[in-house]
Amino acid sequence: MGAYKYLEEIWRKKQSDVMRFLLRVRAWEYRQNKKIIRCNRPTRTDKAHKLGYKAKQGYTIYRVAVRRGGRKRPNSKGIVYGKPKNAGINQLKFKRNLQSVAEERAGRICANMRVLNSYWINQDATYKYYEIILVDPQHITIRNDPRINWICKPVHKHRERRGLTSAGRKHRGLRKKGHRAHNIIGGSAHAAW
């Protein structure tokens, strides 16, 4: 087994003594920092490389903390002037997953870069922490690399805001293949209806 395989196995056993201690200490460290912060290197090297990261110019990693929990409806005094069906305030959930929210926040801060992918690194009672892989489409190293220069096209601007990243496709229900995907032909269930 190579080194990455060992790393993968360690991250798979999150309830082992080593990982529980590491995650607890890191969660404390992340809480002391800003909600969106640039990292020198990925926390999960193996995962980052699986998702397209390369340790070369033009790539960067940002860590984003997203507050956990549902989405309370922002109505004044909790009053919805309408039918009882719509009167709920508290037990409502946000449609998108927290990972796609983290990607969007990183994309807002680094507006000149493209969000490639992201992965989970930690969580505590209040926050979930994700690392976002960003690519600089103006960098000559990226533009000359045939494996990644597809992301330089203008059509990929702010792909994280349009549900085109992996996390975004997940909340759109597009992570299906075969006979289960028949009713999403054309991009969505609405398009295929």
Protein backbone atom coordinates (compact mmCIF):
# COMPACT_ATOMS: atom_id res chain seq x y z
CA MET A 1 0.00 0.00 0.00
CA GLY A 2 1.21 3.48 -0.83
CA ALA A 3 1.19 6.39 1.59
CA TYR A 4 -2.08 7.79 0.21
CA LYS A 5 -3.80 4.46 0.82
CA TYR A 6 -2.80 4.61 4.49
CA LEU A 7 -4.04 8.21 4.68
CA GLU A 8 -7.33 7.17 3.16
CA GLU A 9 -7.74 4.34 5.70
CA ILE A 10 -6.97 6.69 8.63
CA TRP A 11 -9.59 9.20 7.43
CA ARG A 12 -12.08 6.37 7.01
CA LYS A 13 -11.80 5.45 10.71
CA LYS A 14 -12.94 8.78 12.14
CA GLN A 15 -13.88 7.31 15.53
CA SER A 16 -10.43 5.89 16.24
CA ASP A 17 -8.56 7.44 19.18
CA VAL A 18 -6.02 9.16 16.93
CA MET A 19 -8.59 10.73 14.62
CA ARG A 20 -10.93 11.78 17.43
CA PHE A 21 -8.08 13.58 19.15
CA LEU A 22 -6.79 15.15 15.93
CA LEU A 23 -10.24 16.36 14.83
CA ARG A 24 -10.99 17.77 18.28
CA VAL A 25 -7.74 19.75 18.42
CA ARG A 26 -8.13 20.97 14.83
CA ALA A 27 -11.74 22.02 15.42
CA TRP A 28 -10.53 24.18 18.31
CA GLU A 29 -7.86 25.70 16.06
CA TYR A 30 -10.33 26.38 13.23
CA ARG A 31 -12.73 28.10 15.63
CA GLN A 32 -10.03 30.65 16.53
CA ASN A 33 -9.50 31.61 12.87
CA LYS A 34 -11.65 33.52 10.41
CA LYS A 35 -14.58 31.79 8.71
CA ILE A 36 -12.85 31.87 5.32
CA ILE A 37 -9.08 31.50 5.35
CA ARG A 38 -6.42 30.47 2.86
CA CYS A 39 -4.44 27.29 3.62
CA ASN A 40 -0.82 26.66 2.67
CA ARG A 41 -1.56 23.05 1.78
CA PRO A 42 -4.55 20.69 1.85
CA THR A 43 -5.37 18.99 5.16
CA ARG A 44 -6.35 15.82 3.29
CA THR A 45 -3.68 15.49 0.60
CA ASP A 46 -5.08 12.25 -0.78
CA LYS A 47 -8.64 13.58 -1.05
CA ALA A 48 -7.54 16.86 -2.64
CA HIS A 49 -5.56 15.04 -5.34
CA LYS A 50 -8.51 12.72 -6.05
CA LEU A 51 -10.65 15.79 -6.67
CA GLY A 52 -8.19 17.40 -9.08
CA TYR A 53 -5.75 19.36 -6.91
CA LYS A 54 -2.12 19.64 -8.05
CA ALA A 55 0.72 21.06 -5.94
CA LYS A 56 1.71 23.61 -8.55
CA GLN A 57 1.17 27.25 -9.46
CA GLY A 58 -2.39 28.34 -10.13
CA TYR A 59 -4.01 26.07 -7.51
CA THR A 60 -4.99 27.24 -4.04
CA ILE A 61 -6.93 25.88 -1.05
CA TYR A 62 -9.38 27.81 1.13
CA ARG A 63 -10.94 26.58 4.35
CA VAL A 64 -14.55 27.66 4.96
CA ALA A 65 -16.64 27.32 8.12
CA VAL A 66 -20.40 27.07 7.57
CA ARG A 67 -22.86 27.28 10.45
CA ARG A 68 -24.80 24.05 10.87
CA GLY A 69 -28.52 23.56 11.26
CA GLY A 70 -31.71 24.43 9.40
CA ARG A 71 -32.81 27.75 7.97
CA LYS A 72 -35.21 29.80 10.07
CA ARG A 73 -37.59 31.85 7.94
CA PRO A 74 -36.70 35.54 8.35
CA ASN A 75 -40.21 36.92 8.98
CA SER A 76 -40.79 39.85 11.30
CA LYS A 77 -42.12 38.58 14.66
CA GLY A 78 -42.51 35.14 13.07
CA ILE A 79 -45.75 36.16 11.35
CA VAL A 80 -46.61 34.86 7.89
CA TYR A 81 -49.65 36.72 6.58
CA GLY A 82 -51.04 33.81 4.62
CA LYS A 83 -52.44 30.33 4.80
CA PRO A 84 -51.59 27.95 7.68
CA LYS A 85 -49.69 25.74 5.24
CA ASN A 86 -47.06 28.46 4.86
CA ALA A 87 -47.03 29.57 8.50
CA GLY A 88 -43.96 27.54 9.47
CA ILE A 89 -40.95 29.46 10.80
CA ASN A 90 -38.64 27.09 12.65
CA GLN A 91 -38.47 23.60 11.24
CA LEU A 92 -37.63 24.56 7.67
CA LYS A 93 -34.50 23.30 5.90
CA PHE A 94 -32.35 25.02 3.28
CA LYS A 95 -32.64 23.24 -0.08
CA ARG A 96 -28.90 23.13 -0.82
CA ASN A 97 -26.25 21.25 1.15
CA LEU A 98 -23.76 23.08 3.39
CA GLN A 99 -20.87 22.01 1.15
CA SER A 100 -22.28 23.95 -1.80
CA VAL A 101 -22.81 26.96 0.50
CA ALA A 102 -19.12 26.76 1.51
CA GLU A 103 -18.08 26.61 -2.16
CA GLU A 104 -20.19 29.66 -2.96
CA ARG A 105 -18.67 31.67 -0.10
CA ALA A 106 -15.14 30.84 -1.23
CA GLY A 107 -16.11 31.78 -4.80
CA ARG A 108 -17.38 35.18 -3.61
CA ILE A 109 -14.13 35.95 -1.78
CA CYS A 110 -11.92 34.76 -4.68
CA ALA A 111 -14.02 36.17 -7.51
CA ASN A 112 -11.13 35.92 -9.98
CA MET A 113 -10.75 32.17 -9.44
CA ARG A 114 -12.80 29.13 -10.38
CA VAL A 115 -14.08 26.60 -7.84
CA LEU A 116 -12.93 23.15 -8.90
CA ASN A 117 -14.17 20.98 -6.02
CA SER A 118 -14.34 20.67 -2.25
CA TYR A 119 -14.28 18.13 0.58
CA TRP A 120 -15.19 17.79 4.27
CA ILE A 121 -12.41 18.21 6.82
CA ASN A 122 -14.05 18.70 10.21
CA GLN A 123 -17.16 19.59 12.15
CA ASP A 124 -18.20 20.50 15.66
CA ALA A 125 -21.54 21.35 17.26
CA THR A 126 -21.76 24.75 15.53
CA TYR A 127 -19.82 24.56 12.26
CA LYS A 128 -18.92 22.27 9.40
CA TYR A 129 -15.52 22.92 7.85
CA TYR A 130 -14.75 22.34 4.18
CA GLU A 131 -11.67 22.89 2.07
CA ILE A 132 -12.29 24.35 -1.37
CA ILE A 133 -9.94 23.78 -4.32
CA LEU A 134 -9.70 26.93 -6.44
CA VAL A 135 -7.98 27.40 -9.79
CA ASP A 136 -6.67 30.65 -11.28
CA PRO A 137 -7.87 30.72 -14.93
CA GLN A 138 -5.48 33.57 -15.84
CA HIS A 139 -2.34 31.73 -14.73
CA ILE A 140 -0.14 30.62 -17.62
CA THR A 141 0.52 27.24 -15.97
CA ILE A 142 -3.22 26.50 -15.88
CA ARG A 143 -3.85 27.83 -19.39
CA ASN A 144 -1.10 25.61 -20.83
CA ASP A 145 -2.17 22.42 -19.03
CA PRO A 146 -4.54 20.46 -21.30
CA ARG A 147 -5.96 18.52 -18.32
CA ILE A 148 -7.31 21.60 -16.54
CA ASN A 149 -7.51 24.43 -19.09
CA TRP A 150 -11.20 23.60 -19.77
CA ILE A 151 -11.91 25.64 -16.63
CA CYS A 152 -10.52 28.78 -18.31
CA LYS A 153 -13.52 29.05 -20.65
CA PRO A 154 -15.92 31.88 -19.80
CA VAL A 155 -18.79 29.39 -19.45
CA HIS A 156 -17.22 28.18 -16.17
CA LYS A 157 -17.36 31.55 -14.42
CA HIS A 158 -18.89 31.08 -10.95
CA ARG A 159 -19.85 27.46 -11.61
CA GLU A 160 -20.37 27.06 -7.84
CA ARG A 161 -23.29 29.53 -7.93
CA ARG A 162 -25.05 27.65 -10.71
CA GLY A 163 -24.88 24.17 -9.20
CA LEU A 164 -22.21 22.86 -11.60
CA THR A 165 -19.68 21.61 -9.03
CA SER A 166 -19.95 18.11 -7.59
CA ALA A 167 -21.73 19.30 -4.42
CA GLY A 168 -24.03 21.47 -6.55
CA ARG A 169 -24.96 18.57 -8.84
CA LYS A 170 -25.72 16.49 -5.74
CA HIS A 171 -28.40 18.85 -4.43
CA ARG A 172 -29.86 19.07 -7.94
CA GLY A 173 -30.36 15.28 -7.86
CA LEU A 174 -27.95 14.60 -10.74
CA ARG A 175 -25.75 12.00 -9.01
CA LYS A 176 -27.57 9.12 -10.69
CA LYS A 177 -26.73 6.75 -13.51
CA GLY A 178 -28.52 4.05 -15.45
CA HIS A 179 -32.28 3.43 -15.25
CA ARG A 180 -32.59 5.68 -12.16
CA ALA A 181 -31.55 8.66 -14.29
CA HIS A 182 -34.32 8.37 -16.89
CA ASN A 183 -36.47 11.06 -15.28
CA ILE A 184 -33.64 13.63 -15.17
CA ILE A 185 -32.79 13.54 -18.89
CA GLY A 186 -32.30 17.10 -20.04
CA GLY A 187 -30.79 18.36 -16.80
CA SER A 188 -33.53 17.98 -14.20
CA ALA A 189 -36.81 16.32 -13.32
CA HIS A 190 -38.57 19.53 -14.42
CA ALA A 191 -36.82 19.43 -17.81
CA ALA A 192 -37.81 15.80 -18.36
CA TRP A 193 -41.42 16.11 -17.26
